[in-house]
């Protein structure tokens, strides 16, 4: 069976796995600027789309890596919290609604209320869709 979004594509993982990869692995890695921890959450051929601006980052080790390197360089602090998750093991996906507090270097803290939809292939993110309440902070880096 080939992979498709929202389709029954693989053996469902336990419900807590979806919450754990999003909060304890991915967002914890982002908030602590641990690039290797963040990238370990993605498949090699992953795609991350910031939907509100239609910005697409293709490939874990190229565009996604460069985007996170730029994010970590451009912002002095990053925090994600106030999570509300809804996981769907049948489609290997999880929706996360959350608050972001992020401070640009030399600037004032910004507050966002965002929502992400994560689709997994195996036990990693294969497709990630980011919906931001403000300007796109996930700009392309130097890949």
Protein backbone atom coordinates (compact mmCIF):
# COMPACT_ATOMS: atom_id res chain seq x y z
CA UNK A 1 0.00 0.00 0.00
CA UNK A 2 1.43 3.39 -0.97
CA UNK A 3 1.48 6.36 1.38
CA UNK A 4 -1.30 8.95 1.20
CA UNK A 5 -2.34 11.71 3.56
CA UNK A 6 -5.15 10.78 5.92
CA UNK A 7 -5.28 7.25 4.56
CA UNK A 8 -4.80 4.04 6.49
CA UNK A 9 -1.23 3.61 5.36
CA UNK A 10 0.61 1.74 8.07
CA UNK A 11 0.28 -0.04 11.35
CA UNK A 12 -1.06 2.48 13.87
CA UNK A 13 1.36 3.51 16.58
CA UNK A 14 0.12 3.85 20.17
CA UNK A 15 -1.75 7.13 20.78
CA UNK A 16 0.87 8.43 23.29
CA UNK A 17 3.62 8.08 20.66
CA UNK A 18 2.07 10.84 18.54
CA UNK A 19 1.91 13.26 21.48
CA UNK A 20 5.44 12.34 22.58
CA UNK A 21 7.09 12.92 19.18
CA UNK A 22 5.39 16.31 18.85
CA UNK A 23 5.99 17.67 22.36
CA UNK A 24 8.88 15.83 23.99
CA UNK A 25 10.96 15.35 20.89
CA UNK A 26 10.13 17.94 18.21
CA UNK A 27 9.04 21.07 20.10
CA UNK A 28 11.44 20.38 22.97
CA UNK A 29 14.23 20.21 20.39
CA UNK A 30 13.08 23.44 18.72
CA UNK A 31 12.76 25.32 22.02
CA UNK A 32 16.25 24.23 23.08
CA UNK A 33 17.75 24.75 19.59
CA UNK A 34 18.86 21.12 19.34
CA UNK A 35 19.02 20.74 15.58
CA UNK A 36 19.89 17.04 15.57
CA UNK A 37 16.94 16.25 17.88
CA UNK A 38 14.58 18.21 15.62
CA UNK A 39 15.84 16.65 12.39
CA UNK A 40 15.63 13.18 13.92
CA UNK A 41 11.83 13.61 13.94
CA UNK A 42 11.69 13.81 10.10
CA UNK A 43 12.05 11.26 7.33
CA UNK A 44 14.84 12.02 4.87
CA UNK A 45 12.31 12.95 2.17
CA UNK A 46 10.06 15.03 4.43
CA UNK A 47 8.20 18.12 3.34
CA UNK A 48 7.36 21.02 5.69
CA UNK A 49 4.87 23.61 4.42
CA UNK A 50 4.06 26.92 6.10
CA UNK A 51 0.57 27.04 4.65
CA UNK A 52 -0.38 30.65 5.34
CA UNK A 53 2.39 31.91 3.03
CA UNK A 54 2.69 28.74 0.94
CA UNK A 55 6.38 28.37 1.82
CA UNK A 56 7.57 24.81 1.18
CA UNK A 57 10.76 23.24 2.58
CA UNK A 58 11.66 19.94 0.90
CA UNK A 59 14.16 17.45 2.32
CA UNK A 60 15.27 16.94 5.92
CA UNK A 61 18.99 17.33 5.28
CA UNK A 62 18.71 20.29 2.92
CA UNK A 63 15.84 22.81 3.04
CA UNK A 64 14.36 21.76 6.40
CA UNK A 65 17.79 21.81 8.03
CA UNK A 66 18.59 25.23 6.53
CA UNK A 67 15.24 26.63 7.66
CA UNK A 68 15.85 25.54 11.27
CA UNK A 69 19.43 26.81 11.21
CA UNK A 70 18.09 30.22 10.14
CA UNK A 71 15.33 30.14 12.78
CA UNK A 72 17.79 29.27 15.55
CA UNK A 73 20.19 32.01 14.42
CA UNK A 74 17.56 34.75 13.96
CA UNK A 75 15.72 34.29 17.29
CA UNK A 76 17.24 34.48 20.77
CA UNK A 77 14.46 32.51 22.47
CA UNK A 78 11.69 30.17 21.34
CA UNK A 79 8.94 28.61 23.45
CA UNK A 80 5.98 26.42 22.48
CA UNK A 81 3.28 25.54 25.01
CA UNK A 82 -0.41 25.52 25.94
CA UNK A 83 -0.78 22.47 23.69
CA UNK A 84 -4.03 20.91 22.60
CA UNK A 85 -3.46 17.73 20.58
CA UNK A 86 -5.73 15.45 18.62
CA UNK A 87 -4.04 12.33 17.30
CA UNK A 88 -5.50 9.96 14.73
CA UNK A 89 -3.51 6.71 14.81
CA UNK A 90 -5.62 5.37 11.91
CA UNK A 91 -4.15 7.99 9.56
CA UNK A 92 -0.81 8.28 11.42
CA UNK A 93 -1.38 11.95 12.05
CA UNK A 94 -1.65 14.45 14.86
CA UNK A 95 -3.00 18.00 15.03
CA UNK A 96 -1.44 20.37 17.54
CA UNK A 97 -2.75 23.76 18.53
CA UNK A 98 -0.37 25.84 20.66
CA UNK A 99 1.08 29.17 21.71
CA UNK A 100 4.49 30.34 20.49
CA UNK A 101 6.53 32.99 22.29
CA UNK A 102 9.52 33.93 20.18
CA UNK A 103 12.03 36.77 20.45
CA UNK A 104 13.96 38.07 17.44
CA UNK A 105 17.57 39.01 18.14
CA UNK A 106 17.46 42.55 19.48
CA UNK A 107 13.67 42.70 19.25
CA UNK A 108 10.56 42.35 21.35
CA UNK A 109 8.88 39.03 22.10
CA UNK A 110 6.20 37.99 19.60
CA UNK A 111 3.18 35.84 20.46
CA UNK A 112 1.62 33.48 17.93
CA UNK A 113 -1.31 31.07 18.19
CA UNK A 114 -0.49 28.32 15.70
CA UNK A 115 -1.73 24.97 14.55
CA UNK A 116 0.31 22.19 12.94
CA UNK A 117 -0.77 18.99 11.24
CA UNK A 118 1.84 16.25 11.28
CA UNK A 119 1.62 13.11 9.11
CA UNK A 120 3.97 10.28 9.96
CA UNK A 121 5.53 7.67 7.72
CA UNK A 122 6.84 4.93 9.96
CA UNK A 123 7.76 6.69 13.18
CA UNK A 124 8.89 10.04 11.69
CA UNK A 125 7.26 13.16 10.23
CA UNK A 126 6.76 12.83 6.49
CA UNK A 127 4.50 15.84 5.89
CA UNK A 128 4.11 18.81 8.23
CA UNK A 129 1.67 21.67 7.64
CA UNK A 130 2.16 24.82 9.74
CA UNK A 131 -0.59 27.43 10.12
CA UNK A 132 0.72 30.67 11.69
CA UNK A 133 -1.32 33.48 13.18
CA UNK A 134 1.22 36.10 12.06
CA UNK A 135 4.04 36.59 9.59
CA UNK A 136 5.85 33.47 8.44
CA UNK A 137 8.85 32.88 10.72
CA UNK A 138 9.94 29.72 8.88
CA UNK A 139 11.92 31.36 6.12
CA UNK A 140 14.21 29.47 3.76
CA UNK A 141 17.82 29.28 4.87
CA UNK A 142 20.99 28.72 2.88
CA UNK A 143 20.66 25.09 1.79
